[in-house]
Amino acid sequence: MSPDEYAAALEKERQDRNERAKYIVREEHGGWELFRRNGIGQAWGITRYTKLETAQLAADVLNRLKEDEA
């Protein structure tokens, strides 16, 4: 495997990992719920917020951390 092929394989793996899970915000029962959604669309709640802005900020930070980690 050449260095360019290796770099391309690593980049593809990073992109695949980033697409598998994503943090999203949905309105639930009068509040804002932070969910982790996997690649096939299943989601589970992590925590609840009273303000949309705070929930969205948390989702943005977690998504960014996930991208940096990959």
PDB file of N, CA and C in Angstrom:
ATOM      1  N   MET A   1       0.853  -1.167   0.000  1.00  0.00           N
ATOM      2  CA  MET A   1       0.000   0.000   0.000  1.00  0.00           C
ATOM      3  C   MET A   1       0.897   1.227   0.000  1.00  0.00           C
ATOM      4  N   SER A   2       0.662   2.099  -0.947  1.00  0.00           N
ATOM      5  CA  SER A   2       1.473   3.315  -1.048  1.00  0.00           C
ATOM      6  C   SER A   2       1.062   4.317   0.034  1.00  0.00           C
ATOM      7  N   PRO A   3       1.908   5.297   0.314  1.00  0.00           N
ATOM      8  CA  PRO A   3       1.539   6.313   1.306  1.00  0.00           C
ATOM      9  C   PRO A   3       0.241   7.051   0.945  1.00  0.00           C
ATOM     10  N   ASP A   4       0.022   7.317  -0.343  1.00  0.00           N
ATOM     11  CA  ASP A   4      -1.210   8.004  -0.752  1.00  0.00           C
ATOM     12  C   ASP A   4      -2.435   7.116  -0.542  1.00  0.00           C
ATOM     13  N   GLU A   5      -2.305   5.833  -0.833  1.00  0.00           N
ATOM     14  CA  GLU A   5      -3.414   4.901  -0.615  1.00  0.00           C
ATOM     15  C   GLU A   5      -3.718   4.761   0.875  1.00  0.00           C
ATOM     16  N   TYR A   6      -2.669   4.722   1.673  1.00  0.00           N
ATOM     17  CA  TYR A   6      -2.833   4.630   3.119  1.00  0.00           C
ATOM     18  C   TYR A   6      -3.542   5.870   3.665  1.00  0.00           C
ATOM     19  N   ALA A   7      -3.130   7.048   3.218  1.00  0.00           N
ATOM     20  CA  ALA A   7      -3.760   8.292   3.658  1.00  0.00           C
ATOM     21  C   ALA A   7      -5.230   8.331   3.230  1.00  0.00           C
ATOM     22  N   ALA A   8      -5.520   7.873   2.032  1.00  0.00           N
ATOM     23  CA  ALA A   8      -6.904   7.847   1.549  1.00  0.00           C
ATOM     24  C   ALA A   8      -7.750   6.865   2.373  1.00  0.00           C
ATOM     25  N   ALA A   9      -7.184   5.730   2.730  1.00  0.00           N
ATOM     26  CA  ALA A   9      -7.903   4.748   3.544  1.00  0.00           C
ATOM     27  C   ALA A   9      -8.182   5.295   4.940  1.00  0.00           C
ATOM     28  N   LEU A  10      -7.208   5.981   5.522  1.00  0.00           N
ATOM     29  CA  LEU A  10      -7.421   6.597   6.837  1.00  0.00           C
ATOM     30  C   LEU A  10      -8.508   7.662   6.788  1.00  0.00           C
ATOM     31  N   GLU A  11      -8.507   8.475   5.738  1.00  0.00           N
ATOM     32  CA  GLU A  11      -9.520   9.521   5.600  1.00  0.00           C
ATOM     33  C   GLU A  11     -10.907   8.907   5.426  1.00  0.00           C
ATOM     34  N   LYS A  12     -11.020   7.843   4.651  1.00  0.00           N
ATOM     35  CA  LYS A  12     -12.310   7.176   4.464  1.00  0.00           C
ATOM     36  C   LYS A  12     -12.810   6.610   5.781  1.00  0.00           C
ATOM     37  N   GLU A  13     -11.902   5.996   6.546  1.00  0.00           N
ATOM     38  CA  GLU A  13     -12.280   5.449   7.854  1.00  0.00           C
ATOM     39  C   GLU A  13     -12.757   6.561   8.786  1.00  0.00           C
ATOM     40  N   ARG A  14     -12.086   7.703   8.777  1.00  0.00           N
ATOM     41  CA  ARG A  14     -12.489   8.837   9.612  1.00  0.00           C
ATOM     42  C   ARG A  14     -13.875   9.326   9.225  1.00  0.00           C
ATOM     43  N   GLN A  15     -14.132   9.448   7.937  1.00  0.00           N
ATOM     44  CA  GLN A  15     -15.442   9.904   7.465  1.00  0.00           C
ATOM     45  C   GLN A  15     -16.535   8.909   7.827  1.00  0.00           C
ATOM     46  N   ASP A  16     -16.241   7.621   7.689  1.00  0.00           N
ATOM     47  CA  ASP A  16     -17.217   6.589   8.055  1.00  0.00           C
ATOM     48  C   ASP A  16     -17.572   6.670   9.533  1.00  0.00           C
ATOM     49  N   ARG A  17     -16.565   6.862  10.390  1.00  0.00           N
ATOM     50  CA  ARG A  17     -16.829   6.976  11.832  1.00  0.00           C
ATOM     51  C   ARG A  17     -17.670   8.206  12.137  1.00  0.00           C
ATOM     52  N   ASN A  18     -17.404   9.317  11.454  1.00  0.00           N
ATOM     53  CA  ASN A  18     -18.158  10.539  11.707  1.00  0.00           C
ATOM     54  C   ASN A  18     -19.608  10.416  11.287  1.00  0.00           C
ATOM     55  N   GLU A  19     -19.888   9.620  10.267  1.00  0.00           N
ATOM     56  CA  GLU A  19     -21.256   9.478   9.791  1.00  0.00           C
ATOM     57  C   GLU A  19     -22.058   8.483  10.612  1.00  0.00           C
ATOM     58  N   ARG A  20     -21.405   7.675  11.402  1.00  0.00           N
ATOM     59  CA  ARG A  20     -22.116   6.650  12.168  1.00  0.00           C
ATOM     60  C   ARG A  20     -22.974   7.234  13.282  1.00  0.00           C
ATOM     61  N   ALA A  21     -22.486   8.183  13.991  1.00  0.00           N
ATOM     62  CA  ALA A  21     -23.223   8.735  15.131  1.00  0.00           C
ATOM     63  C   ALA A  21     -23.243  10.252  15.044  1.00  0.00           C
ATOM     64  N   LYS A  22     -24.347  10.820  15.486  1.00  0.00           N
ATOM     65  CA  LYS A  22     -24.487  12.272  15.480  1.00  0.00           C
ATOM     66  C   LYS A  22     -25.368  12.666  16.659  1.00  0.00           C
ATOM     67  N   TYR A  23     -25.058  13.798  17.246  1.00  0.00           N
ATOM     68  CA  TYR A  23     -25.858  14.310  18.351  1.00  0.00           C
ATOM     69  C   TYR A  23     -26.870  15.297  17.783  1.00  0.00           C
ATOM     70  N   ILE A  24     -28.131  15.113  18.170  1.00  0.00           N
ATOM     71  CA  ILE A  24     -29.210  15.950  17.660  1.00  0.00           C
ATOM     72  C   ILE A  24     -30.072  16.440  18.819  1.00  0.00           C
ATOM     73  N   VAL A  25     -30.887  17.457  18.555  1.00  0.00           N
ATOM     74  CA  VAL A  25     -31.784  18.021  19.552  1.00  0.00           C
ATOM     75  C   VAL A  25     -33.212  17.928  19.021  1.00  0.00           C
ATOM     76  N   ARG A  26     -34.125  17.461  19.878  1.00  0.00           N
ATOM     77  CA  ARG A  26     -35.541  17.409  19.524  1.00  0.00           C
ATOM     78  C   ARG A  26     -36.374  17.908  20.698  1.00  0.00           C
ATOM     79  N   GLU A  27     -37.499  18.490  20.356  1.00  0.00           N
ATOM     80  CA  GLU A  27     -38.422  18.919  21.401  1.00  0.00           C
ATOM     81  C   GLU A  27     -39.180  17.698  21.905  1.00  0.00           C
ATOM     82  N   GLU A  28     -39.164  17.514  23.209  1.00  0.00           N
ATOM     83  CA  GLU A  28     -39.819  16.358  23.830  1.00  0.00           C
ATOM     84  C   GLU A  28     -40.466  16.791  25.135  1.00  0.00           C
ATOM     85  N   HIS A  29     -41.765  16.597  25.245  1.00  0.00           N
ATOM     86  CA  HIS A  29     -42.499  16.800  26.497  1.00  0.00           C
ATOM     87  C   HIS A  29     -42.245  18.174  27.123  1.00  0.00           C
ATOM     88  N   GLY A  30     -42.258  19.206  26.321  1.00  0.00           N
ATOM     89  CA  GLY A  30     -42.107  20.561  26.828  1.00  0.00           C
ATOM     90  C   GLY A  30     -40.681  21.005  27.093  1.00  0.00           C
ATOM     91  N   GLY A  31     -39.704  20.194  26.749  1.00  0.00           N
ATOM     92  CA  GLY A  31     -38.297  20.560  26.926  1.00  0.00           C
ATOM     93  C   GLY A  31     -37.524  20.194  25.676  1.00  0.00           C
ATOM     94  N   TRP A  32     -36.228  20.304  25.765  1.00  0.00           N
ATOM     95  CA  TRP A  32     -35.358  19.989  24.630  1.00  0.00           C
ATOM     96  C   TRP A  32     -34.458  18.838  25.016  1.00  0.00           C
ATOM     97  N   GLU A  33     -34.547  17.757  24.273  1.00  0.00           N
ATOM     98  CA  GLU A  33     -33.814  16.539  24.584  1.00  0.00           C
ATOM     99  C   GLU A  33     -32.617  16.397  23.645  1.00  0.00           C
ATOM    100  N   LEU A  34     -31.462  16.105  24.231  1.00  0.00           N
ATOM    101  CA  LEU A  34     -30.253  15.833  23.458  1.00  0.00           C
ATOM    102  C   LEU A  34     -30.210  14.331  23.206  1.00  0.00           C
ATOM    103  N   PHE A  35     -30.125  13.950  21.937  1.00  0.00           N
ATOM    104  CA  PHE A  35     -30.114  12.549  21.536  1.00  0.00           C
ATOM    105  C   PHE A  35     -28.812  12.217  20.828  1.00  0.00           C
ATOM    106  N   ARG A  36     -28.424  10.966  20.919  1.00  0.00           N
ATOM    107  CA  ARG A  36     -27.328  10.437  20.115  1.00  0.00           C
ATOM    108  C   ARG A  36     -27.962   9.501  19.103  1.00  0.00           C
ATOM    109  N   ARG A  37     -27.779   9.805  17.823  1.00  0.00           N
ATOM    110  CA  ARG A  37     -28.387   9.012  16.757  1.00  0.00           C
ATOM    111  C   ARG A  37     -27.296   8.247  16.022  1.00  0.00           C
ATOM    112  N   ASN A  38     -27.540   6.948  15.807  1.00  0.00           N
ATOM    113  CA  ASN A  38     -26.539   6.141  15.101  1.00  0.00           C
ATOM    114  C   ASN A  38     -26.767   6.197  13.594  1.00  0.00           C
ATOM    115  N   GLY A  39     -25.942   5.498  12.849  1.00  0.00           N
ATOM    116  CA  GLY A  39     -25.969   5.565  11.390  1.00  0.00           C
ATOM    117  C   GLY A  39     -27.248   5.075  10.745  1.00  0.00           C
ATOM    118  N   ILE A  40     -28.020   4.223  11.427  1.00  0.00           N
ATOM    119  CA  ILE A  40     -29.260   3.730  10.838  1.00  0.00           C
ATOM    120  C   ILE A  40     -30.490   4.465  11.367  1.00  0.00           C
ATOM    121  N   GLY A  41     -30.277   5.530  12.109  1.00  0.00           N
ATOM    122  CA  GLY A  41     -31.366   6.396  12.538  1.00  0.00           C
ATOM    123  C   GLY A  41     -31.935   6.126  13.918  1.00  0.00           C
ATOM    124  N   GLN A  42     -31.438   5.124  14.619  1.00  0.00           N
ATOM    125  CA  GLN A  42     -31.892   4.889  15.980  1.00  0.00           C
ATOM    126  C   GLN A  42     -31.307   5.976  16.877  1.00  0.00           C
ATOM    127  N   ALA A  43     -32.122   6.445  17.817  1.00  0.00           N
ATOM    128  CA  ALA A  43     -31.647   7.517  18.701  1.00  0.00           C
ATOM    129  C   ALA A  43     -32.048   7.207  20.139  1.00  0.00           C
ATOM    130  N   TRP A  44     -31.228   7.658  21.068  1.00  0.00           N
ATOM    131  CA  TRP A  44     -31.560   7.524  22.469  1.00  0.00           C
ATOM    132  C   TRP A  44     -31.186   8.805  23.182  1.00  0.00           C
ATOM    133  N   GLY A  45     -32.031   9.168  24.148  1.00  0.00           N
ATOM    134  CA  GLY A  45     -31.850  10.410  24.874  1.00  0.00           C
ATOM    135  C   GLY A  45     -30.678  10.357  25.828  1.00  0.00           C
ATOM    136  N   ILE A  46     -30.011  11.484  25.907  1.00  0.00           N
ATOM    137  CA  ILE A  46     -28.868  11.598  26.813  1.00  0.00           C
ATOM    138  C   ILE A  46     -29.245  12.464  28.009  1.00  0.00           C
ATOM    139  N   THR A  47     -29.776  13.643  27.719  1.00  0.00           N
ATOM    140  CA  THR A  47     -30.175  14.559  28.788  1.00  0.00           C
ATOM    141  C   THR A  47     -31.184  15.554  28.239  1.00  0.00           C
ATOM    142  N   ARG A  48     -31.799  16.300  29.131  1.00  0.00           N
ATOM    143  CA  ARG A  48     -32.832  17.255  28.759  1.00  0.00           C
ATOM    144  C   ARG A  48     -32.414  18.670  29.167  1.00  0.00           C
ATOM    145  N   TYR A  49     -32.789  19.628  28.337  1.00  0.00           N
ATOM    146  CA  TYR A  49     -32.497  21.041  28.598  1.00  0.00           C
ATOM    147  C   TYR A  49     -33.785  21.840  28.547  1.00  0.00           C
ATOM    148  N   THR A  50     -33.796  22.972  29.226  1.00  0.00           N
ATOM    149  CA  THR A  50     -34.977  23.829  29.195  1.00  0.00           C
ATOM    150  C   THR A  50     -34.905  24.855  28.074  1.00  0.00           C
ATOM    151  N   LYS A  51     -33.696  25.161  27.600  1.00  0.00           N
ATOM    152  CA  LYS A  51     -33.524  26.131  26.517  1.00  0.00           C
ATOM    153  C   LYS A  51     -32.981  25.445  25.273  1.00  0.00           C
ATOM    154  N   LEU A  52     -33.552  25.776  24.129  1.00  0.00           N
ATOM    155  CA  LEU A  52     -33.097  25.222  22.867  1.00  0.00           C
ATOM    156  C   LEU A  52     -31.645  25.596  22.597  1.00  0.00           C
ATOM    157  N   GLU A  53     -31.270  26.844  22.895  1.00  0.00           N
ATOM    158  CA  GLU A  53     -29.921  27.307  22.612  1.00  0.00           C
ATOM    159  C   GLU A  53     -28.870  26.475  23.360  1.00  0.00           C
ATOM    160  N   THR A  54     -29.148  26.147  24.617  1.00  0.00           N
ATOM    161  CA  THR A  54     -28.212  25.359  25.412  1.00  0.00           C
ATOM    162  C   THR A  54     -28.102  23.937  24.872  1.00  0.00           C
ATOM    163  N   ALA A  55     -29.245  23.356  24.522  1.00  0.00           N
ATOM    164  CA  ALA A  55     -29.248  21.998  23.970  1.00  0.00           C
ATOM    165  C   ALA A  55     -28.487  21.949  22.648  1.00  0.00           C
ATOM    166  N   GLN A  56     -28.710  22.946  21.791  1.00  0.00           N
ATOM    167  CA  GLN A  56     -28.029  22.958  20.499  1.00  0.00           C
ATOM    168  C   GLN A  56     -26.532  23.176  20.662  1.00  0.00           C
ATOM    169  N   LEU A  57     -26.147  24.016  21.613  1.00  0.00           N
ATOM    170  CA  LEU A  57     -24.728  24.223  21.894  1.00  0.00           C
ATOM    171  C   LEU A  57     -24.070  22.919  22.344  1.00  0.00           C
ATOM    172  N   ALA A  58     -24.731  22.181  23.221  1.00  0.00           N
ATOM    173  CA  ALA A  58     -24.188  20.899  23.676  1.00  0.00           C
ATOM    174  C   ALA A  58     -24.038  19.929  22.504  1.00  0.00           C
ATOM    175  N   ALA A  59     -25.039  19.853  21.637  1.00  0.00           N
ATOM    176  CA  ALA A  59     -24.966  18.970  20.469  1.00  0.00           C
ATOM    177  C   ALA A  59     -23.827  19.386  19.549  1.00  0.00           C
ATOM    178  N   ASP A  60     -23.680  20.678  19.318  1.00  0.00           N
ATOM    179  CA  ASP A  60     -22.606  21.173  18.445  1.00  0.00           C
ATOM    180  C   ASP A  60     -21.224  20.833  19.005  1.00  0.00           C
ATOM    181  N   VAL A  61     -21.056  21.022  20.313  1.00  0.00           N
ATOM    182  CA  VAL A  61     -19.768  20.725  20.947  1.00  0.00           C
ATOM    183  C   VAL A  61     -19.461  19.230  20.855  1.00  0.00           C
ATOM    184  N   LEU A  62     -20.451  18.393  21.153  1.00  0.00           N
ATOM    185  CA  LEU A  62     -20.222  16.947  21.092  1.00  0.00           C
ATOM    186  C   LEU A  62     -19.936  16.483  19.675  1.00  0.00           C
ATOM    187  N   ASN A  63     -20.637  17.028  18.699  1.00  0.00           N
ATOM    188  CA  ASN A  63     -20.366  16.664  17.310  1.00  0.00           C
ATOM    189  C   ASN A  63     -18.962  17.098  16.898  1.00  0.00           C
ATOM    190  N   ARG A  64     -18.549  18.255  17.341  1.00  0.00           N
ATOM    191  CA  ARG A  64     -17.207  18.746  17.009  1.00  0.00           C
ATOM    192  C   ARG A  64     -16.125  17.885  17.665  1.00  0.00           C
ATOM    193  N   LEU A  65     -16.339  17.512  18.917  1.00  0.00           N
ATOM    194  CA  LEU A  65     -15.392  16.639  19.605  1.00  0.00           C
ATOM    195  C   LEU A  65     -15.286  15.293  18.901  1.00  0.00           C
ATOM    196  N   LYS A  66     -16.413  14.780  18.454  1.00  0.00           N
ATOM    197  CA  LYS A  66     -16.432  13.500  17.754  1.00  0.00           C
ATOM    198  C   LYS A  66     -15.625  13.595  16.459  1.00  0.00           C
ATOM    199  N   GLU A  67     -15.781  14.704  15.741  1.00  0.00           N
ATOM    200  CA  GLU A  67     -15.025  14.898  14.502  1.00  0.00           C
ATOM    201  C   GLU A  67     -13.524  15.006  14.783  1.00  0.00           C
ATOM    202  N   ASP A  68     -13.166  15.742  15.820  1.00  0.00           N
ATOM    203  CA  ASP A  68     -11.750  15.903  16.153  1.00  0.00           C
ATOM    204  C   ASP A  68     -11.131  14.583  16.600  1.00  0.00           C
ATOM    205  N   GLU A  69     -11.911  13.783  17.318  1.00  0.00           N
ATOM    206  CA  GLU A  69     -11.407  12.507  17.806  1.00  0.00           C
ATOM    207  C   GLU A  69     -11.168  11.535  16.663  1.00  0.00           C
ATOM    208  N   ALA A  70     -12.056  11.593  15.658  1.00  0.00           N
ATOM    209  CA  ALA A  70     -11.933  10.678  14.521  1.00  0.00           C
ATOM    210  C   ALA A  70     -10.732  11.091  13.715  1.00  0.00           C
TER     211      ALA A  70
END
